[in-house]
PDB file of N, CA and C in Angstrom:
ATOM      1  N   MET A   1       9.204  42.959  13.002  1.00  0.00           N
ATOM      2  CA  MET A   1       8.897  41.577  13.286  1.00  0.00           C
ATOM      3  C   MET A   1       7.437  41.264  12.997  1.00  0.00           C
ATOM      4  N   HIS A   2       6.517  42.140  13.463  1.00  0.00           N
ATOM      5  CA  HIS A   2       5.098  41.876  13.288  1.00  0.00           C
ATOM      6  C   HIS A   2       4.673  41.934  11.824  1.00  0.00           C
ATOM      7  N   ARG A   3       5.379  42.706  11.017  1.00  0.00           N
ATOM      8  CA  ARG A   3       4.979  42.795   9.612  1.00  0.00           C
ATOM      9  C   ARG A   3       5.319  41.508   8.856  1.00  0.00           C
ATOM     10  N   PHE A   4       6.225  40.685   9.378  1.00  0.00           N
ATOM     11  CA  PHE A   4       6.569  39.410   8.737  1.00  0.00           C
ATOM     12  C   PHE A   4       5.662  38.268   9.184  1.00  0.00           C
ATOM     13  N   LEU A   5       4.949  38.466  10.276  1.00  0.00           N
ATOM     14  CA  LEU A   5       4.112  37.413  10.830  1.00  0.00           C
ATOM     15  C   LEU A   5       3.058  36.906   9.842  1.00  0.00           C
ATOM     16  N   PRO A   6       2.306  37.761   9.144  1.00  0.00           N
ATOM     17  CA  PRO A   6       1.340  37.237   8.172  1.00  0.00           C
ATOM     18  C   PRO A   6       2.005  36.400   7.070  1.00  0.00           C
ATOM     19  N   ALA A   7       3.178  36.795   6.625  1.00  0.00           N
ATOM     20  CA  ALA A   7       3.877  36.027   5.590  1.00  0.00           C
ATOM     21  C   ALA A   7       4.298  34.663   6.117  1.00  0.00           C
ATOM     22  N   VAL A   8       4.792  34.623   7.343  1.00  0.00           N
ATOM     23  CA  VAL A   8       5.202  33.351   7.950  1.00  0.00           C
ATOM     24  C   VAL A   8       4.001  32.433   8.111  1.00  0.00           C
ATOM     25  N   ILE A   9       2.893  32.965   8.581  1.00  0.00           N
ATOM     26  CA  ILE A   9       1.677  32.163   8.750  1.00  0.00           C
ATOM     27  C   ILE A   9       1.202  31.630   7.406  1.00  0.00           C
ATOM     28  N   SER A  10       1.230  32.448   6.370  1.00  0.00           N
ATOM     29  CA  SER A  10       0.814  32.008   5.035  1.00  0.00           C
ATOM     30  C   SER A  10       1.676  30.859   4.525  1.00  0.00           C
ATOM     31  N   VAL A  11       2.973  30.964   4.719  1.00  0.00           N
ATOM     32  CA  VAL A  11       3.885  29.903   4.276  1.00  0.00           C
ATOM     33  C   VAL A  11       3.606  28.614   5.036  1.00  0.00           C
ATOM     34  N   LEU A  12       3.407  28.705   6.343  1.00  0.00           N
ATOM     35  CA  LEU A  12       3.127  27.515   7.146  1.00  0.00           C
ATOM     36  C   LEU A  12       1.808  26.869   6.747  1.00  0.00           C
ATOM     37  N   LEU A  13       0.778  27.655   6.522  1.00  0.00           N
ATOM     38  CA  LEU A  13      -0.509  27.111   6.100  1.00  0.00           C
ATOM     39  C   LEU A  13      -0.414  26.466   4.724  1.00  0.00           C
ATOM     40  N   ALA A  14       0.311  27.067   3.819  1.00  0.00           N
ATOM     41  CA  ALA A  14       0.476  26.494   2.481  1.00  0.00           C
ATOM     42  C   ALA A  14       1.215  25.168   2.551  1.00  0.00           C
ATOM     43  N   ALA A  15       2.173  25.059   3.445  1.00  0.00           N
ATOM     44  CA  ALA A  15       2.929  23.813   3.588  1.00  0.00           C
ATOM     45  C   ALA A  15       2.059  22.705   4.150  1.00  0.00           C
ATOM     46  N   CYS A  16       1.080  23.057   4.979  1.00  0.00           N
ATOM     47  CA  CYS A  16       0.220  22.054   5.604  1.00  0.00           C
ATOM     48  C   CYS A  16      -0.930  21.622   4.704  1.00  0.00           C
ATOM     49  N   ALA A  17      -1.349  22.450   3.797  1.00  0.00           N
ATOM     50  CA  ALA A  17      -2.533  22.165   2.997  1.00  0.00           C
ATOM     51  C   ALA A  17      -2.170  21.726   1.591  1.00  0.00           C
ATOM     52  N   GLY A  18      -2.908  20.759   1.107  1.00  0.00           N
ATOM     53  CA  GLY A  18      -2.833  20.414  -0.299  1.00  0.00           C
ATOM     54  C   GLY A  18      -1.695  19.514  -0.723  1.00  0.00           C
ATOM     55  N   GLY A  19      -0.698  19.296   0.089  1.00  0.00           N
ATOM     56  CA  GLY A  19       0.415  18.441  -0.293  1.00  0.00           C
ATOM     57  C   GLY A  19       0.047  16.980  -0.146  1.00  0.00           C
ATOM     58  N   PRO A  20       0.780  16.113  -0.850  1.00  0.00           N
ATOM     59  CA  PRO A  20       0.480  14.688  -0.720  1.00  0.00           C
ATOM     60  C   PRO A  20       0.807  14.205   0.692  1.00  0.00           C
ATOM     61  N   GLU A  21      -0.039  13.309   1.194  1.00  0.00           N
ATOM     62  CA  GLU A  21       0.167  12.759   2.527  1.00  0.00           C
ATOM     63  C   GLU A  21       1.334  11.777   2.503  1.00  0.00           C
ATOM     64  N   TYR A  22       2.159  11.802   3.532  1.00  0.00           N
ATOM     65  CA  TYR A  22       3.317  10.912   3.604  1.00  0.00           C
ATOM     66  C   TYR A  22       2.873   9.455   3.669  1.00  0.00           C
ATOM     67  N   THR A  23       3.575   8.597   2.968  1.00  0.00           N
ATOM     68  CA  THR A  23       3.359   7.159   3.041  1.00  0.00           C
ATOM     69  C   THR A  23       4.715   6.463   3.015  1.00  0.00           C
ATOM     70  N   PRO A  24       4.891   5.422   3.824  1.00  0.00           N
ATOM     71  CA  PRO A  24       6.170   4.711   3.838  1.00  0.00           C
ATOM     72  C   PRO A  24       6.309   3.686   2.716  1.00  0.00           C
ATOM     73  N   ILE A  25       5.260   3.444   1.944  1.00  0.00           N
ATOM     74  CA  ILE A  25       5.333   2.433   0.884  1.00  0.00           C
ATOM     75  C   ILE A  25       6.142   2.987  -0.291  1.00  0.00           C
ATOM     76  N   VAL A  26       7.028   2.159  -0.838  1.00  0.00           N
ATOM     77  CA  VAL A  26       7.875   2.611  -1.943  1.00  0.00           C
ATOM     78  C   VAL A  26       7.672   1.806  -3.225  1.00  0.00           C
ATOM     79  N   ASN A  27       7.079   0.612  -3.133  1.00  0.00           N
ATOM     80  CA  ASN A  27       6.867  -0.213  -4.323  1.00  0.00           C
ATOM     81  C   ASN A  27       5.916  -1.345  -3.966  1.00  0.00           C
ATOM     82  N   SER A  28       5.422  -2.030  -4.994  1.00  0.00           N
ATOM     83  CA  SER A  28       4.541  -3.171  -4.748  1.00  0.00           C
ATOM     84  C   SER A  28       4.600  -4.143  -5.917  1.00  0.00           C
ATOM     85  N   GLU A  29       4.256  -5.384  -5.614  1.00  0.00           N
ATOM     86  CA  GLU A  29       4.069  -6.439  -6.617  1.00  0.00           C
ATOM     87  C   GLU A  29       2.722  -7.082  -6.326  1.00  0.00           C
ATOM     88  N   PRO A  30       1.754  -6.989  -7.235  1.00  0.00           N
ATOM     89  CA  PRO A  30       1.746  -6.253  -8.487  1.00  0.00           C
ATOM     90  C   PRO A  30       1.923  -4.749  -8.264  1.00  0.00           C
ATOM     91  N   ALA A  31       2.495  -4.114  -9.273  1.00  0.00           N
ATOM     92  CA  ALA A  31       2.757  -2.680  -9.211  1.00  0.00           C
ATOM     93  C   ALA A  31       1.447  -1.896  -9.189  1.00  0.00           C
ATOM     94  N   ALA A  32       1.477  -0.756  -8.539  1.00  0.00           N
ATOM     95  CA  ALA A  32       0.305   0.117  -8.477  1.00  0.00           C
ATOM     96  C   ALA A  32      -0.133   0.513  -9.876  1.00  0.00           C
ATOM     97  N   ASP A  33      -1.427   0.444 -10.108  1.00  0.00           N
ATOM     98  CA  ASP A  33      -2.060   0.841 -11.370  1.00  0.00           C
ATOM     99  C   ASP A  33      -1.617  -0.006 -12.558  1.00  0.00           C
ATOM    100  N   SER A  34      -1.104  -1.204 -12.300  1.00  0.00           N
ATOM    101  CA  SER A  34      -0.654  -2.076 -13.389  1.00  0.00           C
ATOM    102  C   SER A  34      -1.799  -2.954 -13.886  1.00  0.00           C
ATOM    103  N   ILE A  35      -1.599  -3.515 -15.070  1.00  0.00           N
ATOM    104  CA  ILE A  35      -2.507  -4.510 -15.635  1.00  0.00           C
ATOM    105  C   ILE A  35      -1.751  -5.829 -15.663  1.00  0.00           C
ATOM    106  N   GLN A  36      -2.266  -6.809 -14.932  1.00  0.00           N
ATOM    107  CA  GLN A  36      -1.624  -8.119 -14.833  1.00  0.00           C
ATOM    108  C   GLN A  36      -2.182  -9.047 -15.908  1.00  0.00           C
ATOM    109  N   THR A  37      -1.319  -9.510 -16.806  1.00  0.00           N
ATOM    110  CA  THR A  37      -1.741 -10.455 -17.841  1.00  0.00           C
ATOM    111  C   THR A  37      -1.358 -11.884 -17.465  1.00  0.00           C
ATOM    112  N   ARG A  38      -0.641 -12.030 -16.350  1.00  0.00           N
ATOM    113  CA  ARG A  38      -0.342 -13.339 -15.759  1.00  0.00           C
ATOM    114  C   ARG A  38      -0.904 -13.332 -14.344  1.00  0.00           C
ATOM    115  N   MET A  39      -1.418 -14.467 -13.931  1.00  0.00           N
ATOM    116  CA  MET A  39      -2.098 -14.550 -12.641  1.00  0.00           C
ATOM    117  C   MET A  39      -1.137 -14.305 -11.473  1.00  0.00           C
ATOM    118  N   PRO A  40      -1.357 -13.275 -10.663  1.00  0.00           N
ATOM    119  CA  PRO A  40      -0.516 -13.074  -9.482  1.00  0.00           C
ATOM    120  C   PRO A  40      -0.811 -14.146  -8.430  1.00  0.00           C
ATOM    121  N   ARG A  41       0.231 -14.643  -7.785  1.00  0.00           N
ATOM    122  CA  ARG A  41       0.095 -15.672  -6.738  1.00  0.00           C
ATOM    123  C   ARG A  41       0.369 -15.110  -5.347  1.00  0.00           C
ATOM    124  N   THR A  42       1.050 -13.963  -5.305  1.00  0.00           N
ATOM    125  CA  THR A  42       1.372 -13.328  -4.027  1.00  0.00           C
ATOM    126  C   THR A  42       1.187 -11.821  -4.145  1.00  0.00           C
ATOM    127  N   LEU A  43       1.091 -11.191  -2.998  1.00  0.00           N
ATOM    128  CA  LEU A  43       1.140  -9.732  -2.893  1.00  0.00           C
ATOM    129  C   LEU A  43       2.396  -9.402  -2.108  1.00  0.00           C
ATOM    130  N   ARG A  44       3.129  -8.399  -2.555  1.00  0.00           N
ATOM    131  CA  ARG A  44       4.339  -7.992  -1.839  1.00  0.00           C
ATOM    132  C   ARG A  44       4.420  -6.471  -1.870  1.00  0.00           C
ATOM    133  N   LEU A  45       4.468  -5.878  -0.687  1.00  0.00           N
ATOM    134  CA  LEU A  45       4.555  -4.429  -0.557  1.00  0.00           C
ATOM    135  C   LEU A  45       5.892  -4.080   0.068  1.00  0.00           C
ATOM    136  N   TYR A  46       6.583  -3.108  -0.522  1.00  0.00           N
ATOM    137  CA  TYR A  46       7.901  -2.674  -0.053  1.00  0.00           C
ATOM    138  C   TYR A  46       7.776  -1.316   0.631  1.00  0.00           C
ATOM    139  N   TYR A  47       8.467  -1.177   1.756  1.00  0.00           N
ATOM    140  CA  TYR A  47       8.409   0.039   2.558  1.00  0.00           C
ATOM    141  C   TYR A  47       9.800   0.642   2.706  1.00  0.00           C
ATOM    142  N   ASN A  48       9.870   1.841   3.270  1.00  0.00           N
ATOM    143  CA  ASN A  48      11.162   2.502   3.453  1.00  0.00           C
ATOM    144  C   ASN A  48      11.891   2.037   4.712  1.00  0.00           C
ATOM    145  N   ALA A  49      11.302   1.110   5.457  1.00  0.00           N
ATOM    146  CA  ALA A  49      11.924   0.483   6.631  1.00  0.00           C
ATOM    147  C   ALA A  49      11.190  -0.835   6.881  1.00  0.00           C
ATOM    148  N   LEU A  50      11.758  -1.680   7.714  1.00  0.00           N
ATOM    149  CA  LEU A  50      11.171  -2.990   7.989  1.00  0.00           C
ATOM    150  C   LEU A  50       9.840  -2.840   8.725  1.00  0.00           C
ATOM    151  N   PRO A  51       8.748  -3.397   8.170  1.00  0.00           N
ATOM    152  CA  PRO A  51       7.452  -3.312   8.840  1.00  0.00           C
ATOM    153  C   PRO A  51       7.348  -4.315   9.992  1.00  0.00           C
ATOM    154  N   ASP A  52       6.510  -3.985  10.960  1.00  0.00           N
ATOM    155  CA  ASP A  52       6.216  -4.869  12.083  1.00  0.00           C
ATOM    156  C   ASP A  52       5.084  -5.800  11.654  1.00  0.00           C
ATOM    157  N   VAL A  53       5.411  -7.055  11.358  1.00  0.00           N
ATOM    158  CA  VAL A  53       4.425  -8.010  10.835  1.00  0.00           C
ATOM    159  C   VAL A  53       3.270  -8.196  11.814  1.00  0.00           C
ATOM    160  N   GLU A  54       3.576  -8.275  13.098  1.00  0.00           N
ATOM    161  CA  GLU A  54       2.542  -8.511  14.112  1.00  0.00           C
ATOM    162  C   GLU A  54       1.519  -7.378  14.181  1.00  0.00           C
ATOM    163  N   ARG A  55       1.908  -6.193  13.778  1.00  0.00           N
ATOM    164  CA  ARG A  55       0.999  -5.044  13.825  1.00  0.00           C
ATOM    165  C   ARG A  55       0.637  -4.562  12.424  1.00  0.00           C
ATOM    166  N   SER A  56       0.661  -5.488  11.464  1.00  0.00           N
ATOM    167  CA  SER A  56       0.351  -5.158  10.071  1.00  0.00           C
ATOM    168  C   SER A  56      -0.797  -6.027   9.577  1.00  0.00           C
ATOM    169  N   SER A  57      -1.464  -5.558   8.538  1.00  0.00           N
ATOM    170  CA  SER A  57      -2.504  -6.361   7.891  1.00  0.00           C
ATOM    171  C   SER A  57      -2.573  -6.000   6.413  1.00  0.00           C
ATOM    172  N   LEU A  58      -2.930  -6.992   5.612  1.00  0.00           N
ATOM    173  CA  LEU A  58      -3.176  -6.814   4.182  1.00  0.00           C
ATOM    174  C   LEU A  58      -4.500  -7.480   3.863  1.00  0.00           C
ATOM    175  N   SER A  59      -5.288  -6.859   3.015  1.00  0.00           N
ATOM    176  CA  SER A  59      -6.489  -7.493   2.481  1.00  0.00           C
ATOM    177  C   SER A  59      -6.563  -7.163   1.000  1.00  0.00           C
ATOM    178  N   LEU A  60      -7.224  -8.034   0.258  1.00  0.00           N
ATOM    179  CA  LEU A  60      -7.378  -7.866  -1.184  1.00  0.00           C
ATOM    180  C   LEU A  60      -8.855  -7.950  -1.513  1.00  0.00           C
ATOM    181  N   VAL A  61      -9.361  -6.931  -2.187  1.00  0.00           N
ATOM    182  CA  VAL A  61     -10.769  -6.879  -2.560  1.00  0.00           C
ATOM    183  C   VAL A  61     -10.857  -6.755  -4.072  1.00  0.00           C
ATOM    184  N   GLY A  62     -11.695  -7.598  -4.673  1.00  0.00           N
ATOM    185  CA  GLY A  62     -11.867  -7.592  -6.123  1.00  0.00           C
ATOM    186  C   GLY A  62     -13.331  -7.632  -6.506  1.00  0.00           C
ATOM    187  N   PRO A  63     -13.616  -8.017  -7.758  1.00  0.00           N
ATOM    188  CA  PRO A  63     -14.992  -8.015  -8.252  1.00  0.00           C
ATOM    189  C   PRO A  63     -15.935  -8.912  -7.449  1.00  0.00           C
ATOM    190  N   GLY A  64     -15.405  -9.985  -6.865  1.00  0.00           N
ATOM    191  CA  GLY A  64     -16.231 -10.906  -6.087  1.00  0.00           C
ATOM    192  C   GLY A  64     -16.179 -10.654  -4.597  1.00  0.00           C
ATOM    193  N   GLY A  65     -15.609  -9.530  -4.175  1.00  0.00           N
ATOM    194  CA  GLY A  65     -15.485  -9.236  -2.752  1.00  0.00           C
ATOM    195  C   GLY A  65     -14.078  -9.503  -2.254  1.00  0.00           C
ATOM    196  N   GLU A  66     -13.964  -9.796  -0.956  1.00  0.00           N
ATOM    197  CA  GLU A  66     -12.650 -10.018  -0.350  1.00  0.00           C
ATOM    198  C   GLU A  66     -12.090 -11.372  -0.776  1.00  0.00           C
ATOM    199  N   VAL A  67     -10.792 -11.377  -1.109  1.00  0.00           N
ATOM    200  CA  VAL A  67     -10.086 -12.571  -1.577  1.00  0.00           C
ATOM    201  C   VAL A  67      -9.363 -13.205  -0.389  1.00  0.00           C
ATOM    202  N   GLU A  68      -9.387 -14.543  -0.311  1.00  0.00           N
ATOM    203  CA  GLU A  68      -8.708 -15.243   0.780  1.00  0.00           C
ATOM    204  C   GLU A  68      -7.194 -15.171   0.594  1.00  0.00           C
ATOM    205  N   LEU A  69      -6.512 -14.758   1.664  1.00  0.00           N
ATOM    206  CA  LEU A  69      -5.054 -14.642   1.683  1.00  0.00           C
ATOM    207  C   LEU A  69      -4.516 -15.476   2.838  1.00  0.00           C
ATOM    208  N   ARG A  70      -3.208 -15.840   2.751  1.00  0.00           N
ATOM    209  CA  ARG A  70      -2.628 -16.664   3.816  1.00  0.00           C
ATOM    210  C   ARG A  70      -1.153 -16.349   4.008  1.00  0.00           C
ATOM    211  N   GLY A  71      -0.732 -16.302   5.281  1.00  0.00           N
ATOM    212  CA  GLY A  71       0.686 -16.299   5.607  1.00  0.00           C
ATOM    213  C   GLY A  71       1.401 -14.967   5.525  1.00  0.00           C
ATOM    214  N   LEU A  72       0.862 -13.935   6.145  1.00  0.00           N
ATOM    215  CA  LEU A  72       1.541 -12.636   6.140  1.00  0.00           C
ATOM    216  C   LEU A  72       2.904 -12.774   6.801  1.00  0.00           C
ATOM    217  N   HIS A  73       3.948 -12.340   6.098  1.00  0.00           N
ATOM    218  CA  HIS A  73       5.321 -12.433   6.608  1.00  0.00           C
ATOM    219  C   HIS A  73       6.187 -11.389   5.919  1.00  0.00           C
ATOM    220  N   THR A  74       7.431 -11.306   6.343  1.00  0.00           N
ATOM    221  CA  THR A  74       8.407 -10.445   5.684  1.00  0.00           C
ATOM    222  C   THR A  74       9.548 -11.307   5.181  1.00  0.00           C
ATOM    223  N   MET A  75      10.159 -10.892   4.098  1.00  0.00           N
ATOM    224  CA  MET A  75      11.348 -11.565   3.573  1.00  0.00           C
ATOM    225  C   MET A  75      12.596 -10.812   4.037  1.00  0.00           C
ATOM    226  N   ALA A  76      12.445  -9.970   5.076  1.00  0.00           N
ATOM    227  CA  ALA A  76      13.526  -9.163   5.650  1.00  0.00           C
ATOM    228  C   ALA A  76      14.110  -8.193   4.635  1.00  0.00           C
ATOM    229  N   ALA A  77      13.281  -7.771   3.703  1.00  0.00           N
ATOM    230  CA  ALA A  77      13.696  -6.816   2.674  1.00  0.00           C
ATOM    231  C   ALA A  77      12.818  -5.568   2.754  1.00  0.00           C
ATOM    232  N   ASP A  78      12.497  -5.134   3.986  1.00  0.00           N
ATOM    233  CA  ASP A  78      11.602  -3.990   4.196  1.00  0.00           C
ATOM    234  C   ASP A  78      10.279  -4.193   3.469  1.00  0.00           C
ATOM    235  N   ASP A  79       9.721  -5.403   3.600  1.00  0.00           N
ATOM    236  CA  ASP A  79       8.527  -5.757   2.847  1.00  0.00           C
ATOM    237  C   ASP A  79       7.522  -6.515   3.697  1.00  0.00           C
ATOM    238  N   LEU A  80       6.298  -6.607   3.176  1.00  0.00           N
ATOM    239  CA  LEU A  80       5.277  -7.527   3.652  1.00  0.00           C
ATOM    240  C   LEU A  80       4.871  -8.372   2.459  1.00  0.00           C
ATOM    241  N   MET A  81       4.692  -9.677   2.691  1.00  0.00           N
ATOM    242  CA  MET A  81       4.336 -10.588   1.603  1.00  0.00           C
ATOM    243  C   MET A  81       3.253 -11.535   2.102  1.00  0.00           C
ATOM    244  N   ILE A  82       2.320 -11.904   1.200  1.00  0.00           N
ATOM    245  CA  ILE A  82       1.230 -12.804   1.554  1.00  0.00           C
ATOM    246  C   ILE A  82       0.810 -13.579   0.306  1.00  0.00           C
ATOM    247  N   GLU A  83       0.337 -14.800   0.518  1.00  0.00           N
ATOM    248  CA  GLU A  83      -0.073 -15.674  -0.587  1.00  0.00           C
ATOM    249  C   GLU A  83      -1.544 -15.455  -0.927  1.00  0.00           C
ATOM    250  N   ILE A  84      -1.846 -15.427  -2.225  1.00  0.00           N
ATOM    251  CA  ILE A  84      -3.219 -15.375  -2.717  1.00  0.00           C
ATOM    252  C   ILE A  84      -3.675 -16.822  -2.865  1.00  0.00           C
ATOM    253  N   MET A  85      -4.761 -17.207  -2.201  1.00  0.00           N
ATOM    254  CA  MET A  85      -5.161 -18.612  -2.118  1.00  0.00           C
ATOM    255  C   MET A  85      -5.841 -19.159  -3.373  1.00  0.00           C
ATOM    256  N   GLU A  86      -6.584 -18.358  -4.084  1.00  0.00           N
ATOM    257  CA  GLU A  86      -7.333 -18.822  -5.259  1.00  0.00           C
ATOM    258  C   GLU A  86      -6.968 -17.976  -6.474  1.00  0.00           C
ATOM    259  N   PRO A  87      -7.093 -18.545  -7.680  1.00  0.00           N
ATOM    260  CA  PRO A  87      -6.884 -17.722  -8.885  1.00  0.00           C
ATOM    261  C   PRO A  87      -7.873 -16.547  -8.889  1.00  0.00           C
ATOM    262  N   LEU A  88      -7.407 -15.412  -9.356  1.00  0.00           N
ATOM    263  CA  LEU A  88      -8.233 -14.209  -9.383  1.00  0.00           C
ATOM    264  C   LEU A  88      -9.030 -14.129 -10.678  1.00  0.00           C
ATOM    265  N   ALA A  89     -10.252 -13.646 -10.570  1.00  0.00           N
ATOM    266  CA  ALA A  89     -11.063 -13.371 -11.753  1.00  0.00           C
ATOM    267  C   ALA A  89     -10.553 -12.087 -12.394  1.00  0.00           C
ATOM    268  N   ASN A  90     -10.818 -11.929 -13.670  1.00  0.00           N
ATOM    269  CA  ASN A  90     -10.473 -10.673 -14.329  1.00  0.00           C
ATOM    270  C   ASN A  90     -11.252  -9.526 -13.686  1.00  0.00           C
ATOM    271  N   GLY A  91     -10.591  -8.390 -13.559  1.00  0.00           N
ATOM    272  CA  GLY A  91     -11.256  -7.226 -12.987  1.00  0.00           C
ATOM    273  C   GLY A  91     -10.304  -6.350 -12.199  1.00  0.00           C
ATOM    274  N   ASP A  92     -10.878  -5.393 -11.493  1.00  0.00           N
ATOM    275  CA  ASP A  92     -10.121  -4.419 -10.702  1.00  0.00           C
ATOM    276  C   ASP A  92      -9.967  -4.914  -9.265  1.00  0.00           C
ATOM    277  N   TYR A  93      -8.763  -4.708  -8.713  1.00  0.00           N
ATOM    278  CA  TYR A  93      -8.453  -5.150  -7.352  1.00  0.00           C
ATOM    279  C   TYR A  93      -7.833  -4.012  -6.555  1.00  0.00           C
ATOM    280  N   ALA A  94      -8.045  -4.066  -5.247  1.00  0.00           N
ATOM    281  CA  ALA A  94      -7.444  -3.096  -4.329  1.00  0.00           C
ATOM    282  C   ALA A  94      -6.834  -3.847  -3.153  1.00  0.00           C
ATOM    283  N   VAL A  95      -5.550  -3.593  -2.908  1.00  0.00           N
ATOM    284  CA  VAL A  95      -4.863  -4.111  -1.728  1.00  0.00           C
ATOM    285  C   VAL A  95      -4.964  -3.026  -0.663  1.00  0.00           C
ATOM    286  N   HIS A  96      -5.589  -3.345   0.457  1.00  0.00           N
ATOM    287  CA  HIS A  96      -5.681  -2.420   1.586  1.00  0.00           C
ATOM    288  C   HIS A  96      -4.643  -2.858   2.610  1.00  0.00           C
ATOM    289  N   TRP A  97      -3.809  -1.920   3.038  1.00  0.00           N
ATOM    290  CA  TRP A  97      -2.740  -2.279   3.971  1.00  0.00           C
ATOM    291  C   TRP A  97      -2.699  -1.331   5.157  1.00  0.00           C
ATOM    292  N   THR A  98      -2.244  -1.890   6.273  1.00  0.00           N
ATOM    293  CA  THR A  98      -1.996  -1.145   7.502  1.00  0.00           C
ATOM    294  C   THR A  98      -0.686  -1.660   8.068  1.00  0.00           C
ATOM    295  N   THR A  99       0.201  -0.763   8.483  1.00  0.00           N
ATOM    296  CA  THR A  99       1.473  -1.212   9.052  1.00  0.00           C
ATOM    297  C   THR A  99       2.115  -0.131   9.905  1.00  0.00           C
ATOM    298  N   ILE A 100       3.075  -0.565  10.683  1.00  0.00           N
ATOM    299  CA  ILE A 100       3.982   0.298  11.435  1.00  0.00           C
ATOM    300  C   ILE A 100       5.373  -0.069  10.951  1.00  0.00           C
ATOM    301  N   VAL A 101       6.172   0.918  10.547  1.00  0.00           N
ATOM    302  CA  VAL A 101       7.485   0.617   9.965  1.00  0.00           C
ATOM    303  C   VAL A 101       8.625   1.189  10.799  1.00  0.00           C
ATOM    304  N   GLY A 102       9.710   0.417  10.844  1.00  0.00           N
ATOM    305  CA  GLY A 102      10.922   0.874  11.511  1.00  0.00           C
ATOM    306  C   GLY A 102      10.670   1.297  12.944  1.00  0.00           C
ATOM    307  N   ASP A 103      11.308   2.383  13.340  1.00  0.00           N
ATOM    308  CA  ASP A 103      11.176   2.920  14.698  1.00  0.00           C
ATOM    309  C   ASP A 103      10.046   3.932  14.821  1.00  0.00           C
ATOM    310  N   ASP A 104       9.315   4.162  13.738  1.00  0.00           N
ATOM    311  CA  ASP A 104       8.221   5.128  13.724  1.00  0.00           C
ATOM    312  C   ASP A 104       6.993   4.485  14.376  1.00  0.00           C
ATOM    313  N   PRO A 105       6.473   5.031  15.472  1.00  0.00           N
ATOM    314  CA  PRO A 105       5.321   4.415  16.139  1.00  0.00           C
ATOM    315  C   PRO A 105       3.984   4.677  15.438  1.00  0.00           C
ATOM    316  N   ALA A 106       3.972   5.521  14.412  1.00  0.00           N
ATOM    317  CA  ALA A 106       2.721   5.862  13.729  1.00  0.00           C
ATOM    318  C   ALA A 106       2.210   4.673  12.921  1.00  0.00           C
ATOM    319  N   GLU A 107       0.884   4.543  12.881  1.00  0.00           N
ATOM    320  CA  GLU A 107       0.254   3.515  12.052  1.00  0.00           C
ATOM    321  C   GLU A 107      -0.110   4.145  10.712  1.00  0.00           C
ATOM    322  N   TYR A 108       0.312   3.503   9.638  1.00  0.00           N
ATOM    323  CA  TYR A 108       0.034   3.998   8.291  1.00  0.00           C
ATOM    324  C   TYR A 108      -0.916   3.045   7.585  1.00  0.00           C
ATOM    325  N   THR A 109      -1.783   3.603   6.764  1.00  0.00           N
ATOM    326  CA  THR A 109      -2.699   2.802   5.960  1.00  0.00           C
ATOM    327  C   THR A 109      -2.653   3.309   4.531  1.00  0.00           C
ATOM    328  N   GLY A 110      -3.014   2.441   3.618  1.00  0.00           N
ATOM    329  CA  GLY A 110      -3.035   2.848   2.226  1.00  0.00           C
ATOM    330  C   GLY A 110      -3.685   1.800   1.360  1.00  0.00           C
ATOM    331  N   GLU A 111      -3.609   2.048   0.083  1.00  0.00           N
ATOM    332  CA  GLU A 111      -4.252   1.185  -0.896  1.00  0.00           C
ATOM    333  C   GLU A 111      -3.394   1.138  -2.150  1.00  0.00           C
ATOM    334  N   VAL A 112      -3.292  -0.046  -2.730  1.00  0.00           N
ATOM    335  CA  VAL A 112      -2.621  -0.236  -4.015  1.00  0.00           C
ATOM    336  C   VAL A 112      -3.637  -0.889  -4.939  1.00  0.00           C
ATOM    337  N   ARG A 113      -3.866  -0.277  -6.088  1.00  0.00           N
ATOM    338  CA  ARG A 113      -4.840  -0.823  -7.045  1.00  0.00           C
ATOM    339  C   ARG A 113      -4.116  -1.426  -8.241  1.00  0.00           C
ATOM    340  N   PHE A 114      -4.684  -2.513  -8.758  1.00  0.00           N
ATOM    341  CA  PHE A 114      -4.191  -3.120  -9.989  1.00  0.00           C
ATOM    342  C   PHE A 114      -5.351  -3.820 -10.674  1.00  0.00           C
ATOM    343  N   GLN A 115      -5.117  -4.247 -11.890  1.00  0.00           N
ATOM    344  CA  GLN A 115      -6.151  -4.902 -12.685  1.00  0.00           C
ATOM    345  C   GLN A 115      -5.636  -6.250 -13.174  1.00  0.00           C
ATOM    346  N   VAL A 116      -6.513  -7.243 -13.216  1.00  0.00           N
ATOM    347  CA  VAL A 116      -6.178  -8.558 -13.767  1.00  0.00           C
ATOM    348  C   VAL A 116      -6.911  -8.703 -15.092  1.00  0.00           C
ATOM    349  N   GLN A 117      -6.141  -9.019 -16.149  1.00  0.00           N
ATOM    350  CA  GLN A 117      -6.698  -9.293 -17.482  1.00  0.00           C
ATOM    351  C   GLN A 117      -5.963 -10.501 -18.048  1.00  0.00           C
ATOM    352  N   VAL A 118      -6.375 -11.687 -17.611  1.00  0.00           N
ATOM    353  CA  VAL A 118      -5.744 -12.930 -18.038  1.00  0.00           C
ATOM    354  C   VAL A 118      -6.667 -13.601 -19.042  1.00  0.00           C
ATOM    355  N   GLU A 119      -6.098 -14.044 -20.175  1.00  0.00           N
ATOM    356  CA  GLU A 119      -6.904 -14.756 -21.170  1.00  0.00           C
ATOM    357  C   GLU A 119      -7.428 -16.044 -20.570  1.00  0.00           C
ATOM    358  N   GLN A 120      -8.715 -16.275 -20.732  1.00  0.00           N
ATOM    359  CA  GLN A 120      -9.348 -17.491 -20.226  1.00  0.00           C
ATOM    360  C   GLN A 120      -9.195 -18.603 -21.254  1.00  0.00           C
ATOM    361  N   GLU A 121      -8.852 -19.789 -20.776  1.00  0.00           N
ATOM    362  CA  GLU A 121      -8.655 -20.933 -21.695  1.00  0.00           C
ATOM    363  C   GLU A 121      -9.922 -21.703 -21.900  1.00  0.00           C
TER     364      GLU A 121
END
């Protein structure tokens, strides 16, 4: 029994270290790492269970700082959705999110990045 203990400990340590951290997010609009050639009007994040809107937050940060958003809600499709109030300038953006999903009491946070490249008229 004792000769197997170091092997068991090694396996457990390997399982705990270096693996990707769990996240309940499964998709987003705009998609992660996408280039938007049409102006996005909303942000929508999809999760593996229905998020608790009251205990969730979304923010959008771009080249000019934080972007004004309005009306965080769910469409009852295991998602969070919010309106972007002003047209976005071209550049890199990050959606920062915090939520609690389903029956899981843990608070999860994450980031979705995308880029806006819309031709200026």
